[in-house]
């Protein structure tokens, strides 16, 4: 299969599909690797052995190779798709995959199904078809610096609260914030701050007990990147840059992420 996208752009379709935007993304994703992977998939189903969706519900729709069908069809039709097709692509490539890449370990051809799912999601982004909850999380991350919308004040109050409790066990415990020159910058999953602050307590206890030279950032502490998960490359880049910029400003030597 030779993968290419039409060189010309079209106007909006009657159902509001921006085919010009879709083609731009297709051109950016098209290449030898994508073409090879879509061409050599033999639909053997071995990838299903590594998929937790298939393990929990062994239906044909949960075989990882099935997730490649919308992308294959998208390139075959050179972007000439309607809203119904894009809705199906969205439901398959967001709704049945976490891009964990376990399926690739079982593929006899070594096909990177997760990167292909990511490419399909990039098309969904261009068409404005991101799932609502994911879109909200990305908006929160861009506005607040984390996908759950925790404010800087709430974050600092949670750190102070957990440090006070920790000092009942470890009087000399510390949780430095925006300390320059520390060896490590710690980041967290936002749920640990908003819903499970006891996890923060345990992190602080561990690093203090190990006498790790660390700091927290008041502005860039979210270790997740929903832009990457969504297939939105510009947003993913911006969210990653925030953490990098904080690490560089604090002159730390390394970053420790939650996941």
C-alpha atoms as a PDB file:
ATOM      1  CA  UNK A   1       0.000   0.000   0.000  1.00  0.00           C
ATOM      2  CA  UNK A   2       1.349   3.441  -0.928  1.00  0.00           C
ATOM      3  CA  UNK A   3       0.130   6.069   1.498  1.00  0.00           C
ATOM      4  CA  UNK A   4      -0.393   9.593   0.240  1.00  0.00           C
ATOM      5  CA  UNK A   5      -2.824  12.422   0.704  1.00  0.00           C
ATOM      6  CA  UNK A   6      -4.359  14.500  -2.032  1.00  0.00           C
ATOM      7  CA  UNK A   7      -2.347  17.619  -2.766  1.00  0.00           C
ATOM      8  CA  UNK A   8      -5.407  19.835  -3.225  1.00  0.00           C
ATOM      9  CA  UNK A   9      -7.625  21.204  -0.484  1.00  0.00           C
ATOM     10  CA  UNK A  10     -11.402  21.215  -0.546  1.00  0.00           C
ATOM     11  CA  UNK A  11     -14.089  23.375   1.028  1.00  0.00           C
ATOM     12  CA  UNK A  12     -16.145  22.283   3.989  1.00  0.00           C
ATOM     13  CA  UNK A  13     -18.464  19.394   3.250  1.00  0.00           C
ATOM     14  CA  UNK A  14     -22.220  19.887   3.755  1.00  0.00           C
ATOM     15  CA  UNK A  15     -21.977  18.239   7.193  1.00  0.00           C
ATOM     16  CA  UNK A  16     -19.219  20.638   8.305  1.00  0.00           C
ATOM     17  CA  UNK A  17     -16.183  18.371   7.858  1.00  0.00           C
ATOM     18  CA  UNK A  18     -13.039  20.423   7.202  1.00  0.00           C
ATOM     19  CA  UNK A  19     -11.361  18.184   4.657  1.00  0.00           C
ATOM     20  CA  UNK A  20      -8.591  20.716   4.090  1.00  0.00           C
ATOM     21  CA  UNK A  21      -7.531  20.430   7.740  1.00  0.00           C
ATOM     22  CA  UNK A  22      -7.765  16.645   7.575  1.00  0.00           C
ATOM     23  CA  UNK A  23      -5.539  16.535   4.499  1.00  0.00           C
ATOM     24  CA  UNK A  24      -2.945  18.755   6.149  1.00  0.00           C
ATOM     25  CA  UNK A  25      -2.699  16.327   9.043  1.00  0.00           C
ATOM     26  CA  UNK A  26      -2.609  13.357   6.702  1.00  0.00           C
ATOM     27  CA  UNK A  27       0.307  14.883   4.801  1.00  0.00           C
ATOM     28  CA  UNK A  28       2.155  15.497   8.060  1.00  0.00           C
ATOM     29  CA  UNK A  29       1.654  11.881   9.185  1.00  0.00           C
ATOM     30  CA  UNK A  30       2.275  10.170   5.840  1.00  0.00           C
ATOM     31  CA  UNK A  31       5.674   8.551   5.447  1.00  0.00           C
ATOM     32  CA  UNK A  32       7.551   5.337   4.811  1.00  0.00           C
ATOM     33  CA  UNK A  33       6.961   3.915   8.269  1.00  0.00           C
ATOM     34  CA  UNK A  34       3.203   4.525   8.282  1.00  0.00           C
ATOM     35  CA  UNK A  35       2.905   3.169   4.748  1.00  0.00           C
ATOM     36  CA  UNK A  36       4.914   0.058   5.595  1.00  0.00           C
ATOM     37  CA  UNK A  37       2.967  -0.720   8.751  1.00  0.00           C
ATOM     38  CA  UNK A  38      -0.423  -0.335   7.086  1.00  0.00           C
ATOM     39  CA  UNK A  39       0.780  -2.465   4.165  1.00  0.00           C
ATOM     40  CA  UNK A  40       2.215  -5.426   6.068  1.00  0.00           C
ATOM     41  CA  UNK A  41      -0.505  -5.963   8.683  1.00  0.00           C
ATOM     42  CA  UNK A  42      -1.767  -9.471   7.932  1.00  0.00           C
ATOM     43  CA  UNK A  43      -4.748  -9.241  10.340  1.00  0.00           C
ATOM     44  CA  UNK A  44      -3.435 -12.365  12.061  1.00  0.00           C
ATOM     45  CA  UNK A  45      -4.817 -11.281  15.437  1.00  0.00           C
ATOM     46  CA  UNK A  46      -1.690 -12.090  17.449  1.00  0.00           C
ATOM     47  CA  UNK A  47      -1.727  -8.517  18.767  1.00  0.00           C
ATOM     48  CA  UNK A  48      -4.893  -9.340  20.717  1.00  0.00           C
ATOM     49  CA  UNK A  49      -2.796 -11.383  23.169  1.00  0.00           C
ATOM     50  CA  UNK A  50      -1.296  -8.201  24.554  1.00  0.00           C
ATOM     51  CA  UNK A  51      -4.421  -6.041  24.693  1.00  0.00           C
ATOM     52  CA  UNK A  52      -6.178  -5.511  28.016  1.00  0.00           C
ATOM     53  CA  UNK A  53      -9.343  -4.382  26.231  1.00  0.00           C
ATOM     54  CA  UNK A  54      -9.472  -7.702  24.384  1.00  0.00           C
ATOM     55  CA  UNK A  55      -8.600  -9.642  27.534  1.00  0.00           C
ATOM     56  CA  UNK A  56     -11.559  -8.118  29.378  1.00  0.00           C
ATOM     57  CA  UNK A  57     -13.949  -8.360  26.424  1.00  0.00           C
ATOM     58  CA  UNK A  58     -12.687 -10.641  23.609  1.00  0.00           C
ATOM     59  CA  UNK A  59     -14.751  -9.191  20.782  1.00  0.00           C
ATOM     60  CA  UNK A  60     -13.412  -8.582  17.250  1.00  0.00           C
ATOM     61  CA  UNK A  61     -13.700  -4.819  17.769  1.00  0.00           C
ATOM     62  CA  UNK A  62     -11.111  -5.044  20.557  1.00  0.00           C
ATOM     63  CA  UNK A  63      -8.410  -6.704  18.455  1.00  0.00           C
ATOM     64  CA  UNK A  64      -5.714  -3.995  18.083  1.00  0.00           C
ATOM     65  CA  UNK A  65      -5.460  -4.547  14.324  1.00  0.00           C
ATOM     66  CA  UNK A  66      -9.108  -3.510  14.085  1.00  0.00           C
ATOM     67  CA  UNK A  67      -8.087  -0.008  15.214  1.00  0.00           C
ATOM     68  CA  UNK A  68      -6.046   0.398  12.044  1.00  0.00           C
ATOM     69  CA  UNK A  69      -9.071   0.041   9.765  1.00  0.00           C
ATOM     70  CA  UNK A  70     -10.219   3.698   9.976  1.00  0.00           C
ATOM     71  CA  UNK A  71      -6.712   4.981   9.269  1.00  0.00           C
ATOM     72  CA  UNK A  72      -6.262   2.571   6.366  1.00  0.00           C
ATOM     73  CA  UNK A  73      -9.602   3.642   4.920  1.00  0.00           C
ATOM     74  CA  UNK A  74      -8.823   7.325   5.467  1.00  0.00           C
ATOM     75  CA  UNK A  75      -5.715   7.147   3.284  1.00  0.00           C
ATOM     76  CA  UNK A  76      -7.374   4.902   0.704  1.00  0.00           C
ATOM     77  CA  UNK A  77     -10.086   7.539   0.290  1.00  0.00           C
ATOM     78  CA  UNK A  78      -7.534  10.389   0.382  1.00  0.00           C
ATOM     79  CA  UNK A  79      -9.414  12.225   3.099  1.00  0.00           C
ATOM     80  CA  UNK A  80     -12.781  12.145   1.344  1.00  0.00           C
ATOM     81  CA  UNK A  81     -14.730  11.165   4.450  1.00  0.00           C
ATOM     82  CA  UNK A  82     -17.906  12.335   6.134  1.00  0.00           C
ATOM     83  CA  UNK A  83     -18.850  13.029   9.737  1.00  0.00           C
ATOM     84  CA  UNK A  84     -20.197   9.517  10.276  1.00  0.00           C
ATOM     85  CA  UNK A  85     -16.815   8.080   9.304  1.00  0.00           C
ATOM     86  CA  UNK A  86     -14.982  10.463  11.645  1.00  0.00           C
ATOM     87  CA  UNK A  87     -17.299   9.603  14.521  1.00  0.00           C
ATOM     88  CA  UNK A  88     -16.502   5.931  13.975  1.00  0.00           C
ATOM     89  CA  UNK A  89     -12.767   6.712  13.876  1.00  0.00           C
ATOM     90  CA  UNK A  90     -13.094   8.658  17.127  1.00  0.00           C
ATOM     91  CA  UNK A  91     -15.021   5.917  18.893  1.00  0.00           C
ATOM     92  CA  UNK A  92     -12.564   3.208  17.835  1.00  0.00           C
ATOM     93  CA  UNK A  93      -9.248   4.996  18.261  1.00  0.00           C
ATOM     94  CA  UNK A  94     -10.082   6.820  21.484  1.00  0.00           C
ATOM     95  CA  UNK A  95     -12.579   4.427  22.988  1.00  0.00           C
ATOM     96  CA  UNK A  96     -10.721   1.122  22.771  1.00  0.00           C
ATOM     97  CA  UNK A  97      -7.015   1.977  23.171  1.00  0.00           C
ATOM     98  CA  UNK A  98      -4.729   3.452  25.816  1.00  0.00           C
ATOM     99  CA  UNK A  99      -1.677   3.368  23.511  1.00  0.00           C
ATOM    100  CA  UNK A 100       0.164   1.171  26.023  1.00  0.00           C
ATOM    101  CA  UNK A 101       2.013  -0.564  23.126  1.00  0.00           C
ATOM    102  CA  UNK A 102       1.731  -4.074  24.586  1.00  0.00           C
ATOM    103  CA  UNK A 103       0.170  -5.226  21.307  1.00  0.00           C
ATOM    104  CA  UNK A 104       3.396  -4.486  19.422  1.00  0.00           C
ATOM    105  CA  UNK A 105       5.231  -7.029  21.593  1.00  0.00           C
ATOM    106  CA  UNK A 106       2.993  -9.754  20.145  1.00  0.00           C
ATOM    107  CA  UNK A 107       2.933  -8.559  16.534  1.00  0.00           C
ATOM    108  CA  UNK A 108       5.076 -10.852  14.317  1.00  0.00           C
ATOM    109  CA  UNK A 109       5.861  -7.856  12.092  1.00  0.00           C
ATOM    110  CA  UNK A 110       6.645  -5.414  14.911  1.00  0.00           C
ATOM    111  CA  UNK A 111       3.956  -2.984  13.783  1.00  0.00           C
ATOM    112  CA  UNK A 112       3.668   0.051  16.053  1.00  0.00           C
ATOM    113  CA  UNK A 113      -0.071   0.106  16.497  1.00  0.00           C
ATOM    114  CA  UNK A 114       0.060   2.854  19.144  1.00  0.00           C
ATOM    115  CA  UNK A 115       1.782   5.361  16.796  1.00  0.00           C
ATOM    116  CA  UNK A 116      -0.800   4.547  14.137  1.00  0.00           C
ATOM    117  CA  UNK A 117      -3.622   5.119  16.646  1.00  0.00           C
ATOM    118  CA  UNK A 118      -1.917   8.412  17.541  1.00  0.00           C
ATOM    119  CA  UNK A 119      -1.932   9.376  13.848  1.00  0.00           C
ATOM    120  CA  UNK A 120      -5.645   8.599  13.628  1.00  0.00           C
ATOM    121  CA  UNK A 121      -6.287  10.730  16.683  1.00  0.00           C
ATOM    122  CA  UNK A 122      -4.421  13.588  15.015  1.00  0.00           C
ATOM    123  CA  UNK A 123      -7.008  13.469  12.256  1.00  0.00           C
ATOM    124  CA  UNK A 124      -9.782  13.542  14.855  1.00  0.00           C
ATOM    125  CA  UNK A 125      -8.164  16.633  16.394  1.00  0.00           C
ATOM    126  CA  UNK A 126      -8.106  18.371  13.016  1.00  0.00           C
ATOM    127  CA  UNK A 127     -11.787  17.533  12.532  1.00  0.00           C
ATOM    128  CA  UNK A 128     -12.764  18.759  16.006  1.00  0.00           C
ATOM    129  CA  UNK A 129     -13.778  15.263  17.066  1.00  0.00           C
ATOM    130  CA  UNK A 130     -11.885  14.928  20.373  1.00  0.00           C
ATOM    131  CA  UNK A 131     -14.001  13.332  23.157  1.00  0.00           C
ATOM    132  CA  UNK A 132     -15.502  16.051  25.328  1.00  0.00           C
ATOM    133  CA  UNK A 133     -13.863  14.945  28.582  1.00  0.00           C
ATOM    134  CA  UNK A 134     -10.432  14.815  27.003  1.00  0.00           C
ATOM    135  CA  UNK A 135     -10.895  18.237  25.426  1.00  0.00           C
ATOM    136  CA  UNK A 136     -11.877  19.657  28.837  1.00  0.00           C
ATOM    137  CA  UNK A 137      -8.792  18.149  30.452  1.00  0.00           C
ATOM    138  CA  UNK A 138      -6.537  19.726  27.836  1.00  0.00           C
ATOM    139  CA  UNK A 139      -8.233  23.099  28.293  1.00  0.00           C
ATOM    140  CA  UNK A 140      -7.651  22.833  32.051  1.00  0.00           C
ATOM    141  CA  UNK A 141      -3.997  21.940  31.491  1.00  0.00           C
ATOM    142  CA  UNK A 142      -3.453  24.964  29.274  1.00  0.00           C
ATOM    143  CA  UNK A 143      -5.239  27.324  31.667  1.00  0.00           C
ATOM    144  CA  UNK A 144      -4.219  25.977  35.073  1.00  0.00           C
ATOM    145  CA  UNK A 145      -1.117  23.909  34.316  1.00  0.00           C
ATOM    146  CA  UNK A 146      -2.829  20.618  35.194  1.00  0.00           C
ATOM    147  CA  UNK A 147      -5.680  18.631  33.676  1.00  0.00           C
ATOM    148  CA  UNK A 148      -7.962  18.755  36.739  1.00  0.00           C
ATOM    149  CA  UNK A 149      -7.950  22.531  37.067  1.00  0.00           C
ATOM    150  CA  UNK A 150      -6.227  22.655  40.475  1.00  0.00           C
ATOM    151  CA  UNK A 151      -5.199  26.241  41.177  1.00  0.00           C
ATOM    152  CA  UNK A 152      -1.717  27.191  42.369  1.00  0.00           C
ATOM    153  CA  UNK A 153      -3.176  28.179  45.744  1.00  0.00           C
ATOM    154  CA  UNK A 154      -4.918  24.804  46.137  1.00  0.00           C
ATOM    155  CA  UNK A 155      -1.723  22.960  45.227  1.00  0.00           C
ATOM    156  CA  UNK A 156       0.376  24.876  47.753  1.00  0.00           C
ATOM    157  CA  UNK A 157      -2.252  24.429  50.465  1.00  0.00           C
ATOM    158  CA  UNK A 158      -2.302  20.661  49.847  1.00  0.00           C
ATOM    159  CA  UNK A 159       1.489  20.468  50.040  1.00  0.00           C
ATOM    160  CA  UNK A 160       1.492  22.437  53.290  1.00  0.00           C
ATOM    161  CA  UNK A 161      -1.277  20.267  54.741  1.00  0.00           C
ATOM    162  CA  UNK A 162       0.470  16.996  53.959  1.00  0.00           C
ATOM    163  CA  UNK A 163       3.810  18.304  55.196  1.00  0.00           C
ATOM    164  CA  UNK A 164       2.248  19.270  58.518  1.00  0.00           C
ATOM    165  CA  UNK A 165       0.902  15.744  58.916  1.00  0.00           C
ATOM    166  CA  UNK A 166       4.218  14.213  57.911  1.00  0.00           C
ATOM    167  CA  UNK A 167       6.094  16.278  60.496  1.00  0.00           C
ATOM    168  CA  UNK A 168       4.119  14.515  63.204  1.00  0.00           C
ATOM    169  CA  UNK A 169       6.146  11.426  62.224  1.00  0.00           C
ATOM    170  CA  UNK A 170       9.241  13.112  60.799  1.00  0.00           C
ATOM    171  CA  UNK A 171       9.800  16.481  62.494  1.00  0.00           C
ATOM    172  CA  UNK A 172      12.605  17.432  60.110  1.00  0.00           C
ATOM    173  CA  UNK A 173      10.651  16.646  56.934  1.00  0.00           C
ATOM    174  CA  UNK A 174      10.558  19.313  54.255  1.00  0.00           C
ATOM    175  CA  UNK A 175       8.759  19.979  50.970  1.00  0.00           C
ATOM    176  CA  UNK A 176      10.658  22.814  49.314  1.00  0.00           C
ATOM    177  CA  UNK A 177       8.801  24.683  46.600  1.00  0.00           C
ATOM    178  CA  UNK A 178      10.604  26.498  43.758  1.00  0.00           C
ATOM    179  CA  UNK A 179      13.989  25.784  45.320  1.00  0.00           C
ATOM    180  CA  UNK A 180      16.775  26.558  42.874  1.00  0.00           C
ATOM    181  CA  UNK A 181      19.671  24.165  42.422  1.00  0.00           C
ATOM    182  CA  UNK A 182      17.988  21.033  43.799  1.00  0.00           C
ATOM    183  CA  UNK A 183      18.996  17.734  42.259  1.00  0.00           C
ATOM    184  CA  UNK A 184      15.464  16.623  41.339  1.00  0.00           C
ATOM    185  CA  UNK A 185      12.177  18.265  40.391  1.00  0.00           C
ATOM    186  CA  UNK A 186       9.177  16.176  41.446  1.00  0.00           C
ATOM    187  CA  UNK A 187       5.950  16.090  39.441  1.00  0.00           C
ATOM    188  CA  UNK A 188       2.675  14.325  40.191  1.00  0.00           C
ATOM    189  CA  UNK A 189      -0.507  13.059  38.662  1.00  0.00           C
ATOM    190  CA  UNK A 190      -3.155  15.727  39.400  1.00  0.00           C
ATOM    191  CA  UNK A 191      -5.482  13.155  40.967  1.00  0.00           C
ATOM    192  CA  UNK A 192      -2.869  12.660  43.721  1.00  0.00           C
ATOM    193  CA  UNK A 193      -3.252  16.321  44.599  1.00  0.00           C
ATOM    194  CA  UNK A 194      -7.013  16.735  44.187  1.00  0.00           C
ATOM    195  CA  UNK A 195      -8.408  13.359  45.220  1.00  0.00           C
ATOM    196  CA  UNK A 196      -5.675  11.293  46.897  1.00  0.00           C
ATOM    197  CA  UNK A 197      -3.457  13.659  48.905  1.00  0.00           C
ATOM    198  CA  UNK A 198      -2.315  10.685  51.003  1.00  0.00           C
ATOM    199  CA  UNK A 199      -0.246   9.715  47.974  1.00  0.00           C
ATOM    200  CA  UNK A 200       1.544  13.060  48.205  1.00  0.00           C
ATOM    201  CA  UNK A 201       2.124  12.335  51.896  1.00  0.00           C
ATOM    202  CA  UNK A 202       3.778   9.036  50.971  1.00  0.00           C
ATOM    203  CA  UNK A 203       5.916  10.620  48.244  1.00  0.00           C
ATOM    204  CA  UNK A 204       7.186  13.253  50.649  1.00  0.00           C
ATOM    205  CA  UNK A 205       7.828  10.633  53.313  1.00  0.00           C
ATOM    206  CA  UNK A 206       9.813   8.495  50.888  1.00  0.00           C
ATOM    207  CA  UNK A 207      12.000  11.268  49.523  1.00  0.00           C
ATOM    208  CA  UNK A 208      12.661  12.726  52.964  1.00  0.00           C
ATOM    209  CA  UNK A 209      13.564   9.321  54.373  1.00  0.00           C
ATOM    210  CA  UNK A 210      15.938   8.732  51.460  1.00  0.00           C
ATOM    211  CA  UNK A 211      17.404  12.227  51.947  1.00  0.00           C
ATOM    212  CA  UNK A 212      16.784  13.110  48.315  1.00  0.00           C
ATOM    213  CA  UNK A 213      17.595  16.688  47.343  1.00  0.00           C
ATOM    214  CA  UNK A 214      14.331  17.675  45.657  1.00  0.00           C
ATOM    215  CA  UNK A 215      12.009  20.559  44.979  1.00  0.00           C
ATOM    216  CA  UNK A 216       8.455  21.083  43.791  1.00  0.00           C
ATOM    217  CA  UNK A 217       7.356  23.632  41.226  1.00  0.00           C
ATOM    218  CA  UNK A 218       4.405  25.830  42.083  1.00  0.00           C
ATOM    219  CA  UNK A 219       3.512  26.175  38.402  1.00  0.00           C
ATOM    220  CA  UNK A 220       4.633  23.022  36.576  1.00  0.00           C
ATOM    221  CA  UNK A 221       3.937  19.926  38.650  1.00  0.00           C
ATOM    222  CA  UNK A 222       1.582  17.924  36.377  1.00  0.00           C
ATOM    223  CA  UNK A 223       3.361  14.821  35.081  1.00  0.00           C
ATOM    224  CA  UNK A 224       0.585  13.945  32.605  1.00  0.00           C
ATOM    225  CA  UNK A 225       0.260  15.168  29.037  1.00  0.00           C
ATOM    226  CA  UNK A 226      -3.256  14.873  27.646  1.00  0.00           C
ATOM    227  CA  UNK A 227      -2.160  16.571  24.449  1.00  0.00           C
ATOM    228  CA  UNK A 228       0.036  13.583  23.699  1.00  0.00           C
ATOM    229  CA  UNK A 229      -2.769  11.160  24.530  1.00  0.00           C
ATOM    230  CA  UNK A 230      -5.228  13.126  22.396  1.00  0.00           C
ATOM    231  CA  UNK A 231      -2.961  13.256  19.353  1.00  0.00           C
ATOM    232  CA  UNK A 232      -2.812  17.067  19.554  1.00  0.00           C
ATOM    233  CA  UNK A 233       0.885  17.664  18.857  1.00  0.00           C
ATOM    234  CA  UNK A 234       0.951  21.477  19.395  1.00  0.00           C
ATOM    235  CA  UNK A 235      -0.784  21.135  22.772  1.00  0.00           C
ATOM    236  CA  UNK A 236       1.423  18.193  23.758  1.00  0.00           C
ATOM    237  CA  UNK A 237       4.511  20.240  22.910  1.00  0.00           C
ATOM    238  CA  UNK A 238       3.347  23.225  24.937  1.00  0.00           C
ATOM    239  CA  UNK A 239       2.534  21.124  28.001  1.00  0.00           C
ATOM    240  CA  UNK A 240       5.925  19.401  27.855  1.00  0.00           C
ATOM    241  CA  UNK A 241       7.677  22.745  27.410  1.00  0.00           C
ATOM    242  CA  UNK A 242       6.131  24.071  30.615  1.00  0.00           C
ATOM    243  CA  UNK A 243       7.764  21.376  32.701  1.00  0.00           C
ATOM    244  CA  UNK A 244      11.064  21.714  30.855  1.00  0.00           C
ATOM    245  CA  UNK A 245      11.029  25.478  31.335  1.00  0.00           C
ATOM    246  CA  UNK A 246      10.365  25.083  35.060  1.00  0.00           C
ATOM    247  CA  UNK A 247      13.177  22.543  35.414  1.00  0.00           C
ATOM    248  CA  UNK A 248      15.603  24.806  33.580  1.00  0.00           C
ATOM    249  CA  UNK A 249      14.564  27.875  35.580  1.00  0.00           C
ATOM    250  CA  UNK A 250      15.122  25.997  38.859  1.00  0.00           C
ATOM    251  CA  UNK A 251      18.420  24.563  37.552  1.00  0.00           C
ATOM    252  CA  UNK A 252      17.640  20.998  38.620  1.00  0.00           C
ATOM    253  CA  UNK A 253      19.633  18.064  37.310  1.00  0.00           C
ATOM    254  CA  UNK A 254      16.786  15.653  36.616  1.00  0.00           C
ATOM    255  CA  UNK A 255      13.014  15.296  36.616  1.00  0.00           C
ATOM    256  CA  UNK A 256      11.044  12.607  38.474  1.00  0.00           C
ATOM    257  CA  UNK A 257       7.591  11.935  37.051  1.00  0.00           C
ATOM    258  CA  UNK A 258       4.650  10.142  38.593  1.00  0.00           C
ATOM    259  CA  UNK A 259       4.011   7.853  35.634  1.00  0.00           C
END
